[in-house]
N, C-alpha and C. Protein backbone atom coordinates (compact mmCIF):
# COMPACT_ATOMS: atom_id res chain seq x y z
N MET A 1 87.57 216.09 129.89
CA MET A 1 87.14 216.21 131.53
C MET A 1 86.24 218.03 131.84
N LYS A 2 85.03 218.39 131.65
CA LYS A 2 85.13 219.66 131.86
C LYS A 2 85.74 220.51 132.93
N SER A 3 86.20 221.76 132.93
CA SER A 3 86.58 222.82 133.36
C SER A 3 85.79 223.75 134.34
N VAL A 4 86.66 224.12 135.40
CA VAL A 4 85.70 225.33 136.20
C VAL A 4 86.55 226.37 136.26
N PHE A 5 85.80 227.83 136.24
CA PHE A 5 86.86 228.81 136.60
C PHE A 5 85.97 229.58 137.71
N VAL A 6 87.06 229.76 138.16
CA VAL A 6 86.51 230.56 139.60
C VAL A 6 86.57 232.35 139.63
N PHE A 7 85.47 232.68 139.95
CA PHE A 7 85.83 234.07 140.08
C PHE A 7 85.66 234.62 141.21
N PHE A 8 86.46 235.16 142.31
CA PHE A 8 86.21 235.75 143.64
C PHE A 8 86.89 236.81 143.71
N ALA A 9 86.34 237.29 144.71
CA ALA A 9 86.73 238.79 145.52
C ALA A 9 86.88 238.28 146.55
N PHE A 10 88.55 239.18 146.94
CA PHE A 10 88.86 239.18 148.07
C PHE A 10 88.27 240.59 149.03
N LEU A 11 88.11 240.18 150.18
CA LEU A 11 87.22 240.87 151.13
C LEU A 11 88.06 241.26 151.71
N ILE A 12 89.41 241.13 152.16
CA ILE A 12 90.48 240.96 153.44
C ILE A 12 90.92 242.66 153.61
N PRO A 13 90.60 242.91 154.69
CA PRO A 13 90.82 244.68 155.07
C PRO A 13 92.15 244.62 155.07
N PHE A 14 92.39 246.21 155.05
CA PHE A 14 93.61 246.62 154.75
C PHE A 14 94.02 246.93 156.12
N LEU A 15 92.87 247.17 157.43
CA LEU A 15 93.76 247.74 158.54
C LEU A 15 94.40 247.15 159.05
N GLY A 16 95.44 247.46 160.04
CA GLY A 16 96.55 246.73 160.46
C GLY A 16 96.14 245.67 161.95
N PHE A 17 95.18 246.24 162.66
CA PHE A 17 94.94 245.41 163.78
C PHE A 17 93.91 244.17 163.24
N THR A 18 93.39 244.33 162.18
CA THR A 18 92.72 243.17 161.41
C THR A 18 93.80 241.60 161.05
N GLN A 19 93.31 240.80 161.35
CA GLN A 19 94.18 239.79 161.14
C GLN A 19 93.29 238.43 160.72
N VAL A 20 91.83 238.71 160.40
CA VAL A 20 91.30 237.62 159.57
C VAL A 20 90.32 238.59 158.57
N GLY A 21 89.66 237.41 157.66
CA GLY A 21 89.07 238.20 156.19
C GLY A 21 87.64 237.55 155.34
N THR A 22 87.28 237.46 154.76
CA THR A 22 86.44 236.63 153.73
C THR A 22 86.88 236.89 152.42
N ILE A 23 86.93 235.53 151.91
CA ILE A 23 87.11 235.06 150.45
C ILE A 23 85.37 234.97 149.85
N GLN A 24 85.67 235.35 148.79
CA GLN A 24 84.19 235.23 148.27
C GLN A 24 84.03 234.74 146.84
N GLY A 25 83.18 233.92 146.45
CA GLY A 25 83.12 233.73 144.76
C GLY A 25 81.89 233.28 144.19
N VAL A 26 82.50 233.08 142.96
CA VAL A 26 81.20 232.25 141.82
C VAL A 26 82.25 231.24 141.17
N VAL A 27 81.37 229.84 141.42
CA VAL A 27 81.74 229.10 140.31
C VAL A 27 80.91 229.19 139.23
N LYS A 28 81.73 228.76 137.76
CA LYS A 28 81.01 228.44 137.01
C LYS A 28 82.07 228.12 135.98
N ASN A 29 81.31 227.10 134.59
CA ASN A 29 81.95 226.22 133.59
C ASN A 29 82.23 227.34 132.56
N ARG A 30 83.30 226.92 131.74
CA ARG A 30 83.69 227.57 130.37
C ARG A 30 82.52 227.96 129.99
N GLU A 31 81.57 227.71 129.88
CA GLU A 31 80.22 227.91 129.15
C GLU A 31 79.56 229.27 130.20
N GLY A 32 80.16 229.24 131.34
CA GLY A 32 79.33 230.73 131.65
C GLY A 32 78.15 230.07 133.29
N ARG A 33 78.24 228.56 132.60
CA ARG A 33 76.80 228.28 133.93
C ARG A 33 77.50 227.93 135.10
N LEU A 34 76.25 228.22 136.01
CA LEU A 34 77.06 228.54 137.82
C LEU A 34 76.94 226.91 138.15
N ILE A 35 78.02 226.90 138.84
CA ILE A 35 78.10 225.52 139.04
C ILE A 35 77.55 225.33 140.68
N GLU A 36 77.00 224.65 141.14
CA GLU A 36 76.17 224.59 142.41
C GLU A 36 76.42 223.04 142.51
N TYR A 37 76.91 223.27 144.30
CA TYR A 37 77.08 222.16 145.06
C TYR A 37 78.50 221.60 144.83
N ALA A 38 79.48 222.34 144.38
CA ALA A 38 81.06 222.29 144.25
C ALA A 38 81.72 222.53 145.63
N THR A 39 82.12 221.64 146.21
CA THR A 39 83.13 221.66 147.45
C THR A 39 84.10 222.78 147.37
N VAL A 40 84.21 223.59 147.80
CA VAL A 40 85.76 224.83 148.00
C VAL A 40 86.35 224.75 149.11
N GLY A 41 87.37 225.22 148.72
CA GLY A 41 88.47 224.77 150.08
C GLY A 41 89.65 225.28 150.61
N LEU A 42 90.20 225.56 151.18
CA LEU A 42 91.35 225.97 151.26
C LEU A 42 92.27 225.47 151.75
N GLU A 43 93.13 225.09 150.81
CA GLU A 43 94.40 223.57 151.21
C GLU A 43 94.52 223.43 152.82
N GLY A 44 94.81 222.16 153.36
CA GLY A 44 95.87 222.37 154.40
C GLY A 44 95.00 222.91 156.07
N THR A 45 93.55 223.67 155.29
CA THR A 45 93.28 223.69 156.57
C THR A 45 91.65 223.78 156.69
N THR A 46 90.87 223.67 157.91
CA THR A 46 89.57 223.42 157.71
C THR A 46 88.58 224.29 157.29
N PHE A 47 88.77 225.38 156.45
CA PHE A 47 87.60 225.89 156.38
C PHE A 47 87.63 225.49 154.98
N GLY A 48 86.04 225.74 154.60
CA GLY A 48 85.37 225.24 153.22
C GLY A 48 83.98 225.43 153.33
N GLY A 49 83.51 224.63 152.37
CA GLY A 49 81.96 224.74 152.30
C GLY A 49 81.52 224.36 150.86
N ILE A 50 80.67 224.18 150.58
CA ILE A 50 79.80 224.22 148.85
C ILE A 50 79.33 225.30 148.86
N THR A 51 79.20 225.06 147.21
CA THR A 51 78.65 226.34 146.22
C THR A 51 77.30 226.21 147.13
N LEU A 52 76.37 227.61 146.70
CA LEU A 52 74.68 227.54 146.60
C LEU A 52 74.24 227.17 144.99
N SER A 53 72.76 227.28 144.60
CA SER A 53 72.48 227.40 143.68
C SER A 53 72.60 228.56 142.53
N ASP A 54 73.27 229.67 143.11
CA ASP A 54 73.79 230.38 142.43
C ASP A 54 75.13 230.57 141.73
N GLY A 55 75.72 229.22 142.49
CA GLY A 55 77.12 229.24 142.52
C GLY A 55 78.23 229.99 143.20
N SER A 56 77.56 230.77 143.98
CA SER A 56 78.25 231.33 144.72
C SER A 56 78.80 230.61 146.33
N PHE A 57 79.71 230.86 146.92
CA PHE A 57 80.35 230.38 148.03
C PHE A 57 80.98 231.22 148.81
N GLU A 58 81.17 231.41 150.59
CA GLU A 58 81.56 232.53 151.02
C GLU A 58 82.57 231.67 152.15
N LEU A 59 83.83 232.29 152.15
CA LEU A 59 84.83 231.49 153.28
C LEU A 59 85.36 233.00 153.96
N ALA A 60 84.26 233.26 155.43
CA ALA A 60 84.59 234.11 156.23
C ALA A 60 85.28 233.41 157.76
N GLU A 61 86.38 234.72 158.34
CA GLU A 61 86.78 234.85 159.20
C GLU A 61 88.48 233.73 159.14
N ILE A 62 89.02 234.25 157.81
CA ILE A 62 89.68 233.66 157.32
C ILE A 62 91.46 234.04 158.21
N PRO A 63 92.31 233.74 159.20
CA PRO A 63 93.38 234.26 159.16
C PRO A 63 94.40 234.91 158.09
N TYR A 64 94.78 236.18 158.41
CA TYR A 64 95.56 236.44 157.30
C TYR A 64 96.77 235.58 156.65
N GLY A 65 97.03 235.41 155.28
CA GLY A 65 97.99 234.59 155.76
C GLY A 65 98.28 233.54 153.83
N LYS A 66 98.74 233.27 153.40
CA LYS A 66 98.63 232.76 151.84
C LYS A 66 98.11 231.63 152.15
N TYR A 67 96.91 231.29 150.94
CA TYR A 67 96.60 229.66 151.08
C TYR A 67 96.30 229.60 149.43
N VAL A 68 96.11 228.02 149.59
CA VAL A 68 95.91 227.58 147.94
C VAL A 68 94.02 227.22 147.77
N LEU A 69 93.69 227.43 146.93
CA LEU A 69 91.96 227.58 147.44
C LEU A 69 91.35 226.25 145.78
N LYS A 70 90.81 225.41 146.65
CA LYS A 70 91.09 224.11 145.76
C LYS A 70 89.53 224.42 145.47
N VAL A 71 88.78 224.10 144.35
CA VAL A 71 87.29 223.66 144.09
C VAL A 71 87.13 222.34 143.16
N GLN A 72 86.38 221.39 143.68
CA GLN A 72 86.01 220.06 143.48
C GLN A 72 84.36 219.67 143.05
N LEU A 73 84.30 219.34 142.12
CA LEU A 73 83.16 218.96 141.54
C LEU A 73 83.08 217.62 141.07
N ILE A 74 82.43 216.24 141.11
CA ILE A 74 82.42 214.99 140.01
C ILE A 74 82.48 215.37 138.70
N GLY A 75 82.91 215.18 137.48
CA GLY A 75 82.41 214.93 136.48
C GLY A 75 83.43 217.00 136.29
N PHE A 76 84.53 217.37 136.83
CA PHE A 76 84.90 218.59 136.30
C PHE A 76 86.93 218.30 137.17
N GLU A 77 87.43 219.26 136.30
CA GLU A 77 88.50 218.88 136.31
C GLU A 77 88.39 219.75 138.08
N ILE A 78 90.09 219.40 138.89
CA ILE A 78 89.83 220.38 140.46
C ILE A 78 90.78 221.60 139.62
N TYR A 79 90.29 222.73 140.40
CA TYR A 79 90.66 223.97 140.07
C TYR A 79 91.27 224.19 141.18
N VAL A 80 92.50 225.00 141.10
CA VAL A 80 93.49 225.25 142.01
C VAL A 80 94.19 226.74 141.96
N GLU A 81 94.05 227.25 143.06
CA GLU A 81 94.18 228.88 142.95
C GLU A 81 94.90 229.42 143.97
N HIS A 82 96.36 229.74 144.10
CA HIS A 82 96.90 230.33 145.00
C HIS A 82 96.25 231.69 145.05
N LEU A 83 96.16 231.68 146.54
CA LEU A 83 96.09 233.33 147.07
C LEU A 83 97.63 233.90 147.66
């Protein structure tokens, strides 16, 4: 089964009064090929979406906290990252 790597950036502001942020990233396979239409979500929440044709995704208005990011696509191993 193929593997997926996720490169992401946290854009969660460090201001004390801000309680939400954004998680952005790009999904690629081991060969560096961009993966489109993969499902990306935060486990146990309703936050999620799919990757665009350039492999990118953005989850906005995420409340501050700890999450498990899950990336899935048929034919690939499920990728899990603790944030």
